[in-house]
Amino acid sequence: MDVTSTTAGAAVALRQSMTQMDTGMKMLGSSAQQQGAVSALLAGGTGGASGTSGGGNVTETRGQNLNIVV
């Protein structure tokens, strides 16, 4: 058994696994950032200084008929 080729093969395999691990960690970090952004958007601006809720142009529509055509 050739020790040089075995060592080289192990080094290549280790390098590939490290690259895959780095890629996986980057993807997990990106996913966590996206989830944090979505959570922040869903939380809205409730409880602000003026006591009004955030969310842009929000109109009360309770009890009204909405005809939305896309």
PDB file of N, CA and C in Angstrom:
ATOM      1  N   MET A   1       0.854  -1.178   0.000  1.00  0.00           N
ATOM      2  CA  MET A   1       0.000   0.000   0.000  1.00  0.00           C
ATOM      3  C   MET A   1       0.896   1.236   0.000  1.00  0.00           C
ATOM      4  N   ASP A   2       0.605   2.154  -0.875  1.00  0.00           N
ATOM      5  CA  ASP A   2       1.432   3.355  -1.017  1.00  0.00           C
ATOM      6  C   ASP A   2       0.985   4.414  -0.008  1.00  0.00           C
ATOM      7  N   VAL A   3       1.860   4.771   0.912  1.00  0.00           N
ATOM      8  CA  VAL A   3       1.528   5.725   1.967  1.00  0.00           C
ATOM      9  C   VAL A   3       1.321   7.119   1.398  1.00  0.00           C
ATOM     10  N   THR A   4       2.089   7.497   0.382  1.00  0.00           N
ATOM     11  CA  THR A   4       1.983   8.840  -0.206  1.00  0.00           C
ATOM     12  C   THR A   4       0.612   9.054  -0.842  1.00  0.00           C
ATOM     13  N   SER A   5       0.151   8.095  -1.619  1.00  0.00           N
ATOM     14  CA  SER A   5      -1.148   8.259  -2.270  1.00  0.00           C
ATOM     15  C   SER A   5      -2.280   8.215  -1.248  1.00  0.00           C
ATOM     16  N   THR A   6      -2.133   7.417  -0.208  1.00  0.00           N
ATOM     17  CA  THR A   6      -3.153   7.349   0.834  1.00  0.00           C
ATOM     18  C   THR A   6      -3.244   8.673   1.582  1.00  0.00           C
ATOM     19  N   THR A   7      -2.105   9.258   1.894  1.00  0.00           N
ATOM     20  CA  THR A   7      -2.078  10.546   2.592  1.00  0.00           C
ATOM     21  C   THR A   7      -2.653  11.645   1.710  1.00  0.00           C
ATOM     22  N   ALA A   8      -2.285  11.628   0.426  1.00  0.00           N
ATOM     23  CA  ALA A   8      -2.803  12.642  -0.503  1.00  0.00           C
ATOM     24  C   ALA A   8      -4.318  12.500  -0.647  1.00  0.00           C
ATOM     25  N   GLY A   9      -4.801  11.264  -0.735  1.00  0.00           N
ATOM     26  CA  GLY A   9      -6.239  11.035  -0.839  1.00  0.00           C
ATOM     27  C   GLY A   9      -6.979  11.519   0.402  1.00  0.00           C
ATOM     28  N   ALA A  10      -6.390  11.278   1.561  1.00  0.00           N
ATOM     29  CA  ALA A  10      -7.005  11.737   2.809  1.00  0.00           C
ATOM     30  C   ALA A  10      -7.034  13.260   2.871  1.00  0.00           C
ATOM     31  N   ALA A  11      -5.967  13.903   2.398  1.00  0.00           N
ATOM     32  CA  ALA A  11      -5.910  15.367   2.401  1.00  0.00           C
ATOM     33  C   ALA A  11      -6.966  15.946   1.471  1.00  0.00           C
ATOM     34  N   VAL A  12      -7.148  15.336   0.310  1.00  0.00           N
ATOM     35  CA  VAL A  12      -8.159  15.811  -0.639  1.00  0.00           C
ATOM     36  C   VAL A  12      -9.564  15.633  -0.044  1.00  0.00           C
ATOM     37  N   ALA A  13      -9.799  14.495   0.565  1.00  0.00           N
ATOM     38  CA  ALA A  13     -11.107  14.254   1.172  1.00  0.00           C
ATOM     39  C   ALA A  13     -11.378  15.224   2.309  1.00  0.00           C
ATOM     40  N   LEU A  14     -10.344  15.499   3.109  1.00  0.00           N
ATOM     41  CA  LEU A  14     -10.506  16.449   4.211  1.00  0.00           C
ATOM     42  C   LEU A  14     -10.812  17.844   3.685  1.00  0.00           C
ATOM     43  N   ARG A  15     -10.109  18.244   2.619  1.00  0.00           N
ATOM     44  CA  ARG A  15     -10.336  19.570   2.033  1.00  0.00           C
ATOM     45  C   ARG A  15     -11.764  19.681   1.493  1.00  0.00           C
ATOM     46  N   GLN A  16     -12.249  18.644   0.837  1.00  0.00           N
ATOM     47  CA  GLN A  16     -13.609  18.661   0.302  1.00  0.00           C
ATOM     48  C   GLN A  16     -14.639  18.751   1.421  1.00  0.00           C
ATOM     49  N   SER A  17     -14.408  18.017   2.498  1.00  0.00           N
ATOM     50  CA  SER A  17     -15.368  18.061   3.604  1.00  0.00           C
ATOM     51  C   SER A  17     -15.356  19.422   4.290  1.00  0.00           C
ATOM     52  N   MET A  18     -14.173  20.046   4.386  1.00  0.00           N
ATOM     53  CA  MET A  18     -14.096  21.381   4.985  1.00  0.00           C
ATOM     54  C   MET A  18     -14.833  22.402   4.111  1.00  0.00           C
ATOM     55  N   THR A  19     -14.697  22.275   2.795  1.00  0.00           N
ATOM     56  CA  THR A  19     -15.399  23.176   1.882  1.00  0.00           C
ATOM     57  C   THR A  19     -16.904  22.996   2.006  1.00  0.00           C
ATOM     58  N   GLN A  20     -17.352  21.751   2.102  1.00  0.00           N
ATOM     59  CA  GLN A  20     -18.783  21.492   2.260  1.00  0.00           C
ATOM     60  C   GLN A  20     -19.291  22.031   3.589  1.00  0.00           C
ATOM     61  N   MET A  21     -18.500  21.897   4.636  1.00  0.00           N
ATOM     62  CA  MET A  21     -18.909  22.408   5.937  1.00  0.00           C
ATOM     63  C   MET A  21     -19.008  23.937   5.907  1.00  0.00           C
ATOM     64  N   ASP A  22     -18.027  24.598   5.274  1.00  0.00           N
ATOM     65  CA  ASP A  22     -18.068  26.059   5.168  1.00  0.00           C
ATOM     66  C   ASP A  22     -19.306  26.512   4.400  1.00  0.00           C
ATOM     67  N   THR A  23     -19.603  25.814   3.315  1.00  0.00           N
ATOM     68  CA  THR A  23     -20.785  26.153   2.517  1.00  0.00           C
ATOM     69  C   THR A  23     -22.056  25.967   3.341  1.00  0.00           C
ATOM     70  N   GLY A  24     -22.126  24.874   4.095  1.00  0.00           N
ATOM     71  CA  GLY A  24     -23.300  24.625   4.929  1.00  0.00           C
ATOM     72  C   GLY A  24     -23.471  25.682   6.003  1.00  0.00           C
ATOM     73  N   MET A  25     -22.371  26.106   6.610  1.00  0.00           N
ATOM     74  CA  MET A  25     -22.455  27.135   7.644  1.00  0.00           C
ATOM     75  C   MET A  25     -22.914  28.466   7.053  1.00  0.00           C
ATOM     76  N   LYS A  26     -22.430  28.794   5.863  1.00  0.00           N
ATOM     77  CA  LYS A  26     -22.865  30.032   5.206  1.00  0.00           C
ATOM     78  C   LYS A  26     -24.360  29.981   4.904  1.00  0.00           C
ATOM     79  N   MET A  27     -24.830  28.817   4.451  1.00  0.00           N
ATOM     80  CA  MET A  27     -26.256  28.686   4.145  1.00  0.00           C
ATOM     81  C   MET A  27     -27.094  28.794   5.409  1.00  0.00           C
ATOM     82  N   LEU A  28     -26.622  28.204   6.507  1.00  0.00           N
ATOM     83  CA  LEU A  28     -27.354  28.307   7.772  1.00  0.00           C
ATOM     84  C   LEU A  28     -27.403  29.752   8.252  1.00  0.00           C
ATOM     85  N   GLY A  29     -26.290  30.467   8.110  1.00  0.00           N
ATOM     86  CA  GLY A  29     -26.251  31.879   8.514  1.00  0.00           C
ATOM     87  C   GLY A  29     -27.201  32.718   7.684  1.00  0.00           C
ATOM     88  N   SER A  30     -27.240  32.453   6.384  1.00  0.00           N
ATOM     89  CA  SER A  30     -28.141  33.183   5.498  1.00  0.00           C
ATOM     90  C   SER A  30     -29.594  32.900   5.846  1.00  0.00           C
ATOM     91  N   SER A  31     -29.890  31.642   6.140  1.00  0.00           N
ATOM     92  CA  SER A  31     -31.255  31.263   6.515  1.00  0.00           C
ATOM     93  C   SER A  31     -31.667  31.942   7.818  1.00  0.00           C
ATOM     94  N   ALA A  32     -30.750  32.008   8.774  1.00  0.00           N
ATOM     95  CA  ALA A  32     -31.059  32.650  10.053  1.00  0.00           C
ATOM     96  C   ALA A  32     -31.304  34.138   9.874  1.00  0.00           C
ATOM     97  N   GLN A  33     -30.532  34.776   8.990  1.00  0.00           N
ATOM     98  CA  GLN A  33     -30.740  36.200   8.730  1.00  0.00           C
ATOM     99  C   GLN A  33     -32.106  36.437   8.091  1.00  0.00           C
ATOM    100  N   GLN A  34     -32.471  35.581   7.137  1.00  0.00           N
ATOM    101  CA  GLN A  34     -33.767  35.732   6.482  1.00  0.00           C
ATOM    102  C   GLN A  34     -34.894  35.514   7.482  1.00  0.00           C
ATOM    103  N   GLN A  35     -34.743  34.527   8.345  1.00  0.00           N
ATOM    104  CA  GLN A  35     -35.784  34.261   9.337  1.00  0.00           C
ATOM    105  C   GLN A  35     -35.909  35.422  10.309  1.00  0.00           C
ATOM    106  N   GLY A  36     -34.779  36.035  10.671  1.00  0.00           N
ATOM    107  CA  GLY A  36     -34.817  37.193  11.552  1.00  0.00           C
ATOM    108  C   GLY A  36     -35.512  38.368  10.895  1.00  0.00           C
ATOM    109  N   ALA A  37     -35.264  38.557   9.591  1.00  0.00           N
ATOM    110  CA  ALA A  37     -35.909  39.650   8.871  1.00  0.00           C
ATOM    111  C   ALA A  37     -37.417  39.429   8.788  1.00  0.00           C
ATOM    112  N   VAL A  38     -37.819  38.198   8.530  1.00  0.00           N
ATOM    113  CA  VAL A  38     -39.248  37.890   8.447  1.00  0.00           C
ATOM    114  C   VAL A  38     -39.901  38.097   9.810  1.00  0.00           C
ATOM    115  N   SER A  39     -39.234  37.674  10.873  1.00  0.00           N
ATOM    116  CA  SER A  39     -39.791  37.861  12.217  1.00  0.00           C
ATOM    117  C   SER A  39     -39.955  39.336  12.537  1.00  0.00           C
ATOM    118  N   ALA A  40     -38.963  40.138  12.130  1.00  0.00           N
ATOM    119  CA  ALA A  40     -39.045  41.579  12.381  1.00  0.00           C
ATOM    120  C   ALA A  40     -40.197  42.199  11.601  1.00  0.00           C
ATOM    121  N   LEU A  41     -40.400  41.738  10.378  1.00  0.00           N
ATOM    122  CA  LEU A  41     -41.505  42.274   9.576  1.00  0.00           C
ATOM    123  C   LEU A  41     -42.856  41.878  10.163  1.00  0.00           C
ATOM    124  N   LEU A  42     -42.953  40.622  10.616  1.00  0.00           N
ATOM    125  CA  LEU A  42     -44.223  40.162  11.164  1.00  0.00           C
ATOM    126  C   LEU A  42     -44.523  40.821  12.502  1.00  0.00           C
ATOM    127  N   ALA A  43     -43.486  41.175  13.250  1.00  0.00           N
ATOM    128  CA  ALA A  43     -43.690  41.814  14.544  1.00  0.00           C
ATOM    129  C   ALA A  43     -44.293  43.199  14.379  1.00  0.00           C
ATOM    130  N   GLY A  44     -43.974  43.881  13.284  1.00  0.00           N
ATOM    131  CA  GLY A  44     -44.528  45.209  13.025  1.00  0.00           C
ATOM    132  C   GLY A  44     -43.999  46.221  14.007  1.00  0.00           C
ATOM    133  N   GLY A  45     -44.655  47.349  14.067  1.00  0.00           N
ATOM    134  CA  GLY A  45     -44.207  48.425  14.938  1.00  0.00           C
ATOM    135  C   GLY A  45     -45.141  48.654  16.094  1.00  0.00           C
ATOM    136  N   THR A  46     -45.707  47.605  16.643  1.00  0.00           N
ATOM    137  CA  THR A  46     -46.652  47.772  17.745  1.00  0.00           C
ATOM    138  C   THR A  46     -45.943  48.285  18.979  1.00  0.00           C
ATOM    139  N   GLY A  47     -46.637  49.068  19.740  1.00  0.00           N
ATOM    140  CA  GLY A  47     -46.074  49.573  20.982  1.00  0.00           C
ATOM    141  C   GLY A  47     -45.091  50.697  20.786  1.00  0.00           C
ATOM    142  N   GLY A  48     -45.257  51.494  19.749  1.00  0.00           N
ATOM    143  CA  GLY A  48     -44.355  52.603  19.489  1.00  0.00           C
ATOM    144  C   GLY A  48     -44.548  53.735  20.465  1.00  0.00           C
ATOM    145  N   ALA A  49     -43.791  54.811  20.286  1.00  0.00           N
ATOM    146  CA  ALA A  49     -43.844  55.949  21.209  1.00  0.00           C
ATOM    147  C   ALA A  49     -45.219  56.599  21.211  1.00  0.00           C
ATOM    148  N   SER A  50     -45.874  56.648  20.048  1.00  0.00           N
ATOM    149  CA  SER A  50     -47.176  57.295  19.991  1.00  0.00           C
ATOM    150  C   SER A  50     -48.319  56.326  20.285  1.00  0.00           C
ATOM    151  N   GLY A  51     -47.987  55.030  20.439  1.00  0.00           N
ATOM    152  CA  GLY A  51     -49.013  54.044  20.743  1.00  0.00           C
ATOM    153  C   GLY A  51     -49.736  53.525  19.521  1.00  0.00           C
ATOM    154  N   THR A  52     -49.341  53.941  18.331  1.00  0.00           N
ATOM    155  CA  THR A  52     -49.978  53.463  17.111  1.00  0.00           C
ATOM    156  C   THR A  52     -49.199  52.289  16.567  1.00  0.00           C
ATOM    157  N   SER A  53     -49.868  51.455  15.830  1.00  0.00           N
ATOM    158  CA  SER A  53     -49.195  50.299  15.257  1.00  0.00           C
ATOM    159  C   SER A  53     -48.606  50.671  13.908  1.00  0.00           C
ATOM    160  N   GLY A  54     -47.508  49.997  13.573  1.00  0.00           N
ATOM    161  CA  GLY A  54     -46.866  50.249  12.290  1.00  0.00           C
ATOM    162  C   GLY A  54     -47.497  49.411  11.210  1.00  0.00           C
ATOM    163  N   GLY A  55     -46.884  49.383  10.057  1.00  0.00           N
ATOM    164  CA  GLY A  55     -47.390  48.546   8.980  1.00  0.00           C
ATOM    165  C   GLY A  55     -47.748  49.335   7.747  1.00  0.00           C
ATOM    166  N   GLY A  56     -47.409  50.594   7.690  1.00  0.00           N
ATOM    167  CA  GLY A  56     -47.682  51.369   6.485  1.00  0.00           C
ATOM    168  C   GLY A  56     -49.100  51.882   6.452  1.00  0.00           C
ATOM    169  N   ASN A  57     -49.683  51.881   5.272  1.00  0.00           N
ATOM    170  CA  ASN A  57     -51.039  52.382   5.102  1.00  0.00           C
ATOM    171  C   ASN A  57     -52.034  51.287   5.469  1.00  0.00           C
ATOM    172  N   VAL A  58     -52.541  51.339   6.668  1.00  0.00           N
ATOM    173  CA  VAL A  58     -53.486  50.336   7.157  1.00  0.00           C
ATOM    174  C   VAL A  58     -54.826  51.011   7.365  1.00  0.00           C
ATOM    175  N   THR A  59     -55.861  50.412   6.763  1.00  0.00           N
ATOM    176  CA  THR A  59     -57.206  50.965   6.873  1.00  0.00           C
ATOM    177  C   THR A  59     -58.106  49.919   7.510  1.00  0.00           C
ATOM    178  N   GLU A  60     -58.913  50.331   8.432  1.00  0.00           N
ATOM    179  CA  GLU A  60     -59.851  49.420   9.069  1.00  0.00           C
ATOM    180  C   GLU A  60     -60.890  48.990   8.046  1.00  0.00           C
ATOM    181  N   THR A  61     -61.068  47.665   7.867  1.00  0.00           N
ATOM    182  CA  THR A  61     -62.010  47.166   6.858  1.00  0.00           C
ATOM    183  C   THR A  61     -63.046  46.232   7.466  1.00  0.00           C
ATOM    184  N   ARG A  62     -63.130  46.170   8.766  1.00  0.00           N
ATOM    185  CA  ARG A  62     -64.073  45.262   9.401  1.00  0.00           C
ATOM    186  C   ARG A  62     -65.499  45.650   9.022  1.00  0.00           C
ATOM    187  N   GLY A  63     -66.279  44.665   8.560  1.00  0.00           N
ATOM    188  CA  GLY A  63     -67.669  44.909   8.207  1.00  0.00           C
ATOM    189  C   GLY A  63     -67.866  45.476   6.817  1.00  0.00           C
ATOM    190  N   GLN A  64     -66.820  45.573   6.033  1.00  0.00           N
ATOM    191  CA  GLN A  64     -66.935  46.102   4.671  1.00  0.00           C
ATOM    192  C   GLN A  64     -66.673  44.983   3.682  1.00  0.00           C
ATOM    193  N   ASN A  65     -67.268  45.127   2.495  1.00  0.00           N
ATOM    194  CA  ASN A  65     -67.018  44.167   1.429  1.00  0.00           C
ATOM    195  C   ASN A  65     -65.828  44.638   0.619  1.00  0.00           C
ATOM    196  N   LEU A  66     -64.892  43.731   0.369  1.00  0.00           N
ATOM    197  CA  LEU A  66     -63.711  44.067  -0.424  1.00  0.00           C
ATOM    198  C   LEU A  66     -63.783  43.321  -1.745  1.00  0.00           C
ATOM    199  N   ASN A  67     -63.692  44.035  -2.836  1.00  0.00           N
ATOM    200  CA  ASN A  67     -63.617  43.434  -4.157  1.00  0.00           C
ATOM    201  C   ASN A  67     -62.213  43.699  -4.687  1.00  0.00           C
ATOM    202  N   ILE A  68     -61.350  42.705  -4.558  1.00  0.00           N
ATOM    203  CA  ILE A  68     -59.976  42.851  -5.000  1.00  0.00           C
ATOM    204  C   ILE A  68     -59.797  42.090  -6.304  1.00  0.00           C
ATOM    205  N   VAL A  69     -59.420  42.817  -7.345  1.00  0.00           N
ATOM    206  CA  VAL A  69     -59.221  42.212  -8.656  1.00  0.00           C
ATOM    207  C   VAL A  69     -57.746  42.354  -9.011  1.00  0.00           C
ATOM    208  N   VAL A  70     -57.144  41.243  -9.388  1.00  0.00           N
ATOM    209  CA  VAL A  70     -55.721  41.271  -9.759  1.00  0.00           C
ATOM    210  C   VAL A  70     -55.598  41.013 -11.235  1.00  0.00           C
TER     211      VAL A  70
END
